[in-house]
C-alpha atoms as a PDB file:
ATOM      1  CA  MET A   1    -204.546 -51.150 190.728  1.00  0.00           C
ATOM      2  CA  LEU A   2    -203.230 -53.025 187.512  1.00  0.00           C
ATOM      3  CA  ASP A   3    -205.488 -55.586 186.481  1.00  0.00           C
ATOM      4  CA  ILE A   4    -204.115 -58.051 184.130  1.00  0.00           C
ATOM      5  CA  ASN A   5    -206.120 -60.786 182.257  1.00  0.00           C
ATOM      6  CA  ILE A   6    -204.333 -62.134 179.465  1.00  0.00           C
ATOM      7  CA  TYR A   7    -203.624 -64.581 176.666  1.00  0.00           C
ATOM      8  CA  LYS A   8    -200.931 -64.678 173.931  1.00  0.00           C
ATOM      9  CA  LYS A   9    -199.899 -67.716 171.554  1.00  0.00           C
ATOM     10  CA  LEU A  10    -195.867 -67.963 171.846  1.00  0.00           C
ATOM     11  CA  SER A  11    -194.266 -70.125 169.811  1.00  0.00           C
ATOM     12  CA  HIS A  12    -193.524 -73.502 172.025  1.00  0.00           C
ATOM     13  CA  PHE A  13    -196.223 -72.537 174.842  1.00  0.00           C
ATOM     14  CA  ASP A  14    -199.655 -70.493 175.218  1.00  0.00           C
ATOM     15  CA  LEU A  15    -198.778 -67.646 177.501  1.00  0.00           C
ATOM     16  CA  HIS A  16    -201.871 -67.005 180.208  1.00  0.00           C
ATOM     17  CA  VAL A  17    -201.511 -64.923 183.019  1.00  0.00           C
ATOM     18  CA  GLN A  18    -203.863 -63.194 185.383  1.00  0.00           C
ATOM     19  CA  LEU A  19    -202.999 -61.230 188.043  1.00  0.00           C
ATOM     20  CA  LYS A  20    -203.656 -58.097 190.166  1.00  0.00           C
ATOM     21  CA  ALA A  21    -201.677 -55.545 191.828  1.00  0.00           C
ATOM     22  CA  GLN A  22    -202.181 -52.953 194.315  1.00  0.00           C
ATOM     23  CA  GLN A  23    -199.476 -50.415 195.665  1.00  0.00           C
ATOM     24  CA  GLU A  24    -197.369 -53.558 195.978  1.00  0.00           C
ATOM     25  CA  ARG A  25    -194.110 -55.088 194.570  1.00  0.00           C
ATOM     26  CA  ILE A  26    -194.760 -58.820 192.722  1.00  0.00           C
ATOM     27  CA  VAL A  27    -191.895 -60.563 191.556  1.00  0.00           C
ATOM     28  CA  LEU A  28    -192.275 -62.649 188.111  1.00  0.00           C
ATOM     29  CA  PHE A  29    -189.617 -65.555 188.723  1.00  0.00           C
ATOM     30  CA  GLY A  30    -189.241 -68.678 187.172  1.00  0.00           C
ATOM     31  CA  PRO A  31    -186.529 -69.393 184.258  1.00  0.00           C
ATOM     32  CA  SER A  32    -185.265 -68.207 181.322  1.00  0.00           C
ATOM     33  CA  GLY A  33    -187.813 -68.528 178.160  1.00  0.00           C
ATOM     34  CA  SER A  34    -190.701 -68.810 180.897  1.00  0.00           C
ATOM     35  CA  GLY A  35    -192.917 -66.212 179.519  1.00  0.00           C
ATOM     36  CA  LYS A  36    -192.006 -63.261 182.386  1.00  0.00           C
ATOM     37  CA  THR A  37    -190.389 -60.559 180.279  1.00  0.00           C
ATOM     38  CA  THR A  38    -193.167 -60.967 177.318  1.00  0.00           C
ATOM     39  CA  VAL A  39    -195.761 -60.280 180.232  1.00  0.00           C
ATOM     40  CA  LEU A  40    -193.881 -57.091 181.059  1.00  0.00           C
ATOM     41  CA  ASN A  41    -194.289 -56.084 177.318  1.00  0.00           C
ATOM     42  CA  CYS A  42    -197.554 -56.587 177.001  1.00  0.00           C
ATOM     43  CA  ILE A  43    -198.281 -54.168 179.899  1.00  0.00           C
ATOM     44  CA  ALA A  44    -196.018 -51.926 178.496  1.00  0.00           C
ATOM     45  CA  GLY A  45    -197.496 -51.915 175.070  1.00  0.00           C
ATOM     46  CA  ILE A  46    -194.313 -52.995 173.242  1.00  0.00           C
ATOM     47  CA  LEU A  47    -196.505 -56.071 172.732  1.00  0.00           C
ATOM     48  CA  HIS A  48    -200.540 -56.819 172.329  1.00  0.00           C
ATOM     49  CA  PRO A  49    -202.308 -60.160 173.582  1.00  0.00           C
ATOM     50  CA  ASP A  50    -204.244 -61.748 171.763  1.00  0.00           C
ATOM     51  CA  GLU A  51    -207.063 -61.958 174.043  1.00  0.00           C
ATOM     52  CA  GLY A  52    -207.913 -60.751 177.599  1.00  0.00           C
ATOM     53  CA  HIS A  53    -207.691 -56.913 179.080  1.00  0.00           C
ATOM     54  CA  ILE A  54    -205.325 -54.866 181.057  1.00  0.00           C
ATOM     55  CA  ARG A  55    -206.369 -51.667 182.804  1.00  0.00           C
ATOM     56  CA  LEU A  56    -204.006 -49.743 185.143  1.00  0.00           C
ATOM     57  CA  LYS A  57    -206.131 -47.243 187.291  1.00  0.00           C
ATOM     58  CA  GLU A  58    -209.297 -45.665 185.449  1.00  0.00           C
ATOM     59  CA  GLN A  59    -207.003 -46.382 182.130  1.00  0.00           C
ATOM     60  CA  THR A  60    -207.763 -49.552 179.756  1.00  0.00           C
ATOM     61  CA  PHE A  61    -204.947 -50.258 177.804  1.00  0.00           C
ATOM     62  CA  PHE A  62    -206.448 -52.965 176.131  1.00  0.00           C
ATOM     63  CA  ASP A  63    -209.382 -54.987 176.340  1.00  0.00           C
ATOM     64  CA  SER A  64    -210.439 -58.066 173.151  1.00  0.00           C
ATOM     65  CA  ASN A  65    -213.654 -57.496 173.786  1.00  0.00           C
ATOM     66  CA  ASP A  66    -214.143 -53.831 173.414  1.00  0.00           C
ATOM     67  CA  LYS A  67    -213.794 -54.215 169.266  1.00  0.00           C
ATOM     68  CA  ARG A  68    -213.719 -50.366 168.910  1.00  0.00           C
ATOM     69  CA  LYS A  69    -210.918 -49.334 170.937  1.00  0.00           C
ATOM     70  CA  LYS A  70    -207.647 -49.568 169.859  1.00  0.00           C
ATOM     71  CA  PRO A  71    -204.795 -50.731 172.154  1.00  0.00           C
ATOM     72  CA  THR A  72    -203.350 -47.709 174.166  1.00  0.00           C
ATOM     73  CA  PRO A  73    -200.213 -46.665 172.593  1.00  0.00           C
ATOM     74  CA  ILE A  74    -196.591 -47.169 175.005  1.00  0.00           C
ATOM     75  CA  GLN A  75    -196.147 -43.493 175.182  1.00  0.00           C
ATOM     76  CA  LYS A  76    -199.663 -42.868 177.048  1.00  0.00           C
ATOM     77  CA  ARG A  77    -199.816 -45.561 179.230  1.00  0.00           C
ATOM     78  CA  LYS A  78    -197.477 -43.590 182.289  1.00  0.00           C
ATOM     79  CA  ILE A  79    -195.541 -46.831 182.666  1.00  0.00           C
ATOM     80  CA  GLY A  80    -191.819 -46.976 183.639  1.00  0.00           C
ATOM     81  CA  TYR A  81    -190.133 -49.503 182.248  1.00  0.00           C
ATOM     82  CA  LEU A  82    -186.962 -50.815 183.298  1.00  0.00           C
ATOM     83  CA  PHE A  83    -185.085 -52.818 180.674  1.00  0.00           C
ATOM     84  CA  GLN A  84    -182.372 -55.803 181.134  1.00  0.00           C
ATOM     85  CA  ASP A  85    -179.738 -54.113 178.911  1.00  0.00           C
ATOM     86  CA  TYR A  86    -180.718 -50.772 180.536  1.00  0.00           C
ATOM     87  CA  ALA A  87    -181.038 -48.924 176.833  1.00  0.00           C
ATOM     88  CA  LEU A  88    -180.006 -45.571 177.522  1.00  0.00           C
ATOM     89  CA  PHE A  89    -179.030 -43.116 174.706  1.00  0.00           C
ATOM     90  CA  PRO A  90    -175.188 -43.475 174.163  1.00  0.00           C
ATOM     91  CA  HIS A  91    -174.883 -39.573 172.248  1.00  0.00           C
ATOM     92  CA  MET A  92    -177.089 -38.450 175.401  1.00  0.00           C
ATOM     93  CA  THR A  93    -175.375 -37.188 178.865  1.00  0.00           C
ATOM     94  CA  VAL A  94    -176.745 -38.739 182.271  1.00  0.00           C
ATOM     95  CA  GLU A  95    -178.715 -36.019 182.419  1.00  0.00           C
ATOM     96  CA  GLN A  96    -180.158 -35.747 178.802  1.00  0.00           C
ATOM     97  CA  ASN A  97    -181.144 -39.485 179.197  1.00  0.00           C
ATOM     98  CA  ILE A  98    -182.967 -39.015 182.712  1.00  0.00           C
ATOM     99  CA  ALA A  99    -184.318 -34.989 180.912  1.00  0.00           C
ATOM    100  CA  TYR A 100    -185.558 -37.477 178.268  1.00  0.00           C
ATOM    101  CA  GLY A 101    -189.820 -37.590 179.039  1.00  0.00           C
ATOM    102  CA  MET A 102    -189.339 -35.910 182.614  1.00  0.00           C
ATOM    103  CA  LYS A 103    -192.189 -34.353 183.987  1.00  0.00           C
ATOM    104  CA  ASP A 104    -191.169 -32.700 186.644  1.00  0.00           C
ATOM    105  CA  PRO A 105    -187.565 -31.665 187.832  1.00  0.00           C
ATOM    106  CA  ALA A 106    -188.431 -31.154 191.132  1.00  0.00           C
ATOM    107  CA  ILE A 107    -189.154 -35.352 191.684  1.00  0.00           C
ATOM    108  CA  VAL A 108    -186.063 -35.718 189.063  1.00  0.00           C
ATOM    109  CA  LYS A 109    -183.753 -34.203 192.016  1.00  0.00           C
ATOM    110  CA  GLU A 110    -185.299 -35.769 194.774  1.00  0.00           C
ATOM    111  CA  LEU A 111    -184.466 -39.161 192.887  1.00  0.00           C
ATOM    112  CA  LEU A 112    -180.791 -38.024 192.115  1.00  0.00           C
ATOM    113  CA  ASP A 113    -180.292 -37.533 195.583  1.00  0.00           C
ATOM    114  CA  VAL A 114    -181.620 -41.142 196.563  1.00  0.00           C
ATOM    115  CA  VAL A 115    -179.281 -42.882 194.101  1.00  0.00           C
ATOM    116  CA  GLY A 116    -176.378 -40.919 194.847  1.00  0.00           C
ATOM    117  CA  ILE A 117    -175.311 -39.725 191.114  1.00  0.00           C
ATOM    118  CA  LYS A 118    -175.749 -36.293 190.836  1.00  0.00           C
ATOM    119  CA  HIS A 119    -172.242 -36.115 189.803  1.00  0.00           C
ATOM    120  CA  LEU A 120    -172.521 -37.912 186.636  1.00  0.00           C
ATOM    121  CA  LEU A 121    -175.481 -35.637 185.118  1.00  0.00           C
ATOM    122  CA  LYS A 122    -172.426 -34.114 182.227  1.00  0.00           C
ATOM    123  CA  THR A 123    -171.101 -37.864 181.999  1.00  0.00           C
ATOM    124  CA  TYR A 124    -171.717 -40.093 179.142  1.00  0.00           C
ATOM    125  CA  PRO A 125    -172.996 -43.839 179.283  1.00  0.00           C
ATOM    126  CA  SER A 126    -170.138 -45.231 178.394  1.00  0.00           C
ATOM    127  CA  ASN A 127    -167.910 -43.746 180.824  1.00  0.00           C
ATOM    128  CA  ILE A 128    -169.899 -44.750 183.774  1.00  0.00           C
ATOM    129  CA  SER A 129    -170.187 -49.021 185.146  1.00  0.00           C
ATOM    130  CA  GLY A 130    -173.058 -50.554 185.258  1.00  0.00           C
ATOM    131  CA  GLY A 131    -174.101 -50.033 188.792  1.00  0.00           C
ATOM    132  CA  GLU A 132    -174.121 -46.323 187.935  1.00  0.00           C
ATOM    133  CA  LYS A 133    -175.652 -47.135 185.002  1.00  0.00           C
ATOM    134  CA  GLN A 134    -179.089 -49.427 186.519  1.00  0.00           C
ATOM    135  CA  ARG A 135    -179.030 -45.998 188.974  1.00  0.00           C
ATOM    136  CA  VAL A 136    -179.648 -44.018 185.648  1.00  0.00           C
ATOM    137  CA  ALA A 137    -182.151 -46.042 184.180  1.00  0.00           C
ATOM    138  CA  LEU A 138    -183.777 -46.018 187.421  1.00  0.00           C
ATOM    139  CA  VAL A 139    -184.165 -42.688 187.754  1.00  0.00           C
ATOM    140  CA  ARG A 140    -185.055 -42.043 183.942  1.00  0.00           C
ATOM    141  CA  ALA A 141    -187.790 -44.566 184.214  1.00  0.00           C
ATOM    142  CA  LEU A 142    -189.761 -42.636 187.270  1.00  0.00           C
ATOM    143  CA  ALA A 143    -188.984 -39.509 185.990  1.00  0.00           C
ATOM    144  CA  THR A 144    -191.975 -40.073 183.674  1.00  0.00           C
ATOM    145  CA  LYS A 145    -194.017 -40.034 187.201  1.00  0.00           C
ATOM    146  CA  PRO A 146    -195.513 -43.598 185.876  1.00  0.00           C
ATOM    147  CA  ASN A 147    -197.963 -45.348 187.891  1.00  0.00           C
ATOM    148  CA  ALA A 148    -195.968 -48.595 187.636  1.00  0.00           C
ATOM    149  CA  LEU A 149    -193.512 -49.789 187.231  1.00  0.00           C
ATOM    150  CA  LEU A 150    -191.957 -52.906 185.127  1.00  0.00           C
ATOM    151  CA  LEU A 151    -188.395 -53.894 185.832  1.00  0.00           C
ATOM    152  CA  ASP A 152    -186.898 -56.798 183.616  1.00  0.00           C
ATOM    153  CA  GLU A 153    -183.768 -58.529 185.022  1.00  0.00           C
ATOM    154  CA  PRO A 154    -182.061 -55.332 186.512  1.00  0.00           C
ATOM    155  CA  PHE A 155    -179.843 -56.330 188.935  1.00  0.00           C
ATOM    156  CA  SER A 156    -178.261 -59.279 186.560  1.00  0.00           C
ATOM    157  CA  ALA A 157    -175.230 -57.749 184.850  1.00  0.00           C
ATOM    158  CA  LEU A 158    -173.513 -56.114 188.530  1.00  0.00           C
ATOM    159  CA  ASP A 159    -171.781 -57.586 190.688  1.00  0.00           C
ATOM    160  CA  ASP A 160    -173.007 -59.243 194.221  1.00  0.00           C
ATOM    161  CA  GLN A 161    -172.195 -55.420 196.253  1.00  0.00           C
ATOM    162  CA  THR A 162    -173.559 -53.566 193.873  1.00  0.00           C
ATOM    163  CA  ARG A 163    -176.676 -55.531 193.271  1.00  0.00           C
ATOM    164  CA  CYS A 164    -177.137 -55.310 197.132  1.00  0.00           C
ATOM    165  CA  GLU A 165    -176.836 -51.273 196.838  1.00  0.00           C
ATOM    166  CA  CYS A 166    -179.139 -50.820 193.978  1.00  0.00           C
ATOM    167  CA  GLN A 167    -181.733 -53.697 195.312  1.00  0.00           C
ATOM    168  CA  ASP A 168    -181.846 -51.789 198.796  1.00  0.00           C
ATOM    169  CA  GLU A 169    -182.420 -47.978 196.957  1.00  0.00           C
ATOM    170  CA  LEU A 170    -185.517 -49.670 195.020  1.00  0.00           C
ATOM    171  CA  LEU A 171    -187.073 -50.245 198.049  1.00  0.00           C
ATOM    172  CA  ARG A 172    -186.579 -47.049 199.326  1.00  0.00           C
ATOM    173  CA  ILE A 173    -187.515 -45.437 196.356  1.00  0.00           C
ATOM    174  CA  HIS A 174    -190.962 -47.638 196.730  1.00  0.00           C
ATOM    175  CA  ASN A 175    -191.680 -46.319 199.920  1.00  0.00           C
ATOM    176  CA  MET A 176    -191.923 -43.347 198.802  1.00  0.00           C
ATOM    177  CA  TRP A 177    -193.656 -43.994 195.653  1.00  0.00           C
ATOM    178  CA  ARG A 178    -196.347 -46.731 196.523  1.00  0.00           C
ATOM    179  CA  ILE A 179    -196.864 -47.626 192.904  1.00  0.00           C
ATOM    180  CA  PRO A 180    -196.841 -51.165 191.758  1.00  0.00           C
ATOM    181  CA  MET A 181    -194.354 -52.939 190.609  1.00  0.00           C
ATOM    182  CA  ILE A 182    -193.734 -55.873 188.856  1.00  0.00           C
ATOM    183  CA  ILE A 183    -190.130 -57.581 188.587  1.00  0.00           C
ATOM    184  CA  VAL A 184    -188.939 -60.042 186.772  1.00  0.00           C
ATOM    185  CA  THR A 185    -185.940 -62.170 187.911  1.00  0.00           C
ATOM    186  CA  HIS A 186    -184.803 -65.965 188.018  1.00  0.00           C
ATOM    187  CA  HIS A 187    -182.397 -65.160 190.896  1.00  0.00           C
ATOM    188  CA  LEU A 188    -184.154 -66.601 193.774  1.00  0.00           C
ATOM    189  CA  GLY A 189    -182.103 -64.733 196.664  1.00  0.00           C
ATOM    190  CA  GLU A 190    -183.506 -61.308 194.712  1.00  0.00           C
ATOM    191  CA  ALA A 191    -187.009 -62.809 194.705  1.00  0.00           C
ATOM    192  CA  ARG A 192    -187.261 -62.996 198.362  1.00  0.00           C
ATOM    193  CA  LYS A 193    -185.712 -59.442 199.060  1.00  0.00           C
ATOM    194  CA  LEU A 194    -187.764 -57.500 196.967  1.00  0.00           C
ATOM    195  CA  GLY A 195    -190.903 -59.423 196.228  1.00  0.00           C
ATOM    196  CA  GLN A 196    -193.894 -58.645 198.685  1.00  0.00           C
ATOM    197  CA  ARG A 197    -195.622 -61.304 196.625  1.00  0.00           C
ATOM    198  CA  ILE A 198    -193.577 -64.073 194.585  1.00  0.00           C
ATOM    199  CA  LEU A 199    -195.307 -65.135 191.481  1.00  0.00           C
ATOM    200  CA  LYS A 200    -193.772 -68.324 190.139  1.00  0.00           C
ATOM    201  CA  ILE A 201    -194.276 -69.044 186.099  1.00  0.00           C
ATOM    202  CA  ASN A 202    -193.341 -71.408 183.752  1.00  0.00           C
ATOM    203  CA  ASP A 203    -194.245 -72.162 180.273  1.00  0.00           C
ATOM    204  CA  GLY A 204    -196.377 -68.816 180.487  1.00  0.00           C
ATOM    205  CA  THR A 205    -198.287 -70.479 183.106  1.00  0.00           C
ATOM    206  CA  LEU A 206    -198.640 -68.635 186.876  1.00  0.00           C
ATOM    207  CA  ILE A 207    -198.183 -72.107 188.656  1.00  0.00           C
ATOM    208  CA  GLN A 208    -197.660 -71.409 192.471  1.00  0.00           C
ATOM    209  CA  GLU A 209    -197.688 -67.880 194.984  1.00  0.00           C
END
């Protein structure tokens, strides 16, 4: 289970989010600048809250009440993160991007079959489409065998058809993996399709489920 109860003072508002996620897809839905990405960054370890705790399974990543324990480094959190711009390494081939941090080649082979990008392995990111980059980034995030997956506006740059195809692939992968997924979007149709729970956030506060 992913267990979050965090407070962080931001420039325009105070972020205070409390949620628990089992093996489910949770959508954080709200306007730009409402604190959605900050929540993901705190879970991943890119940012640290001012107060509260973040736990995943038996591991505590952050606990402001335990002054002896430093926040768990990003690389030790076992969390996959799919960034909005995909953050692929341009000097590496698709195969090399996926291999970065890979834990189990057998899992990667299975994922390549699911998303259909095996033919792109020797290609560089500059020579593939937006939808293909999204699929590569998704496989790379899952190749680390994460205990949770974070997705920040993962389909915002795609055309409608490609967006729909990538959404379907994400649903198939979740049915295979059964790990907590936190998906950030401001697209209502996408939220309804992907979210088993939709949490509306505004100015750093969850205001509606």
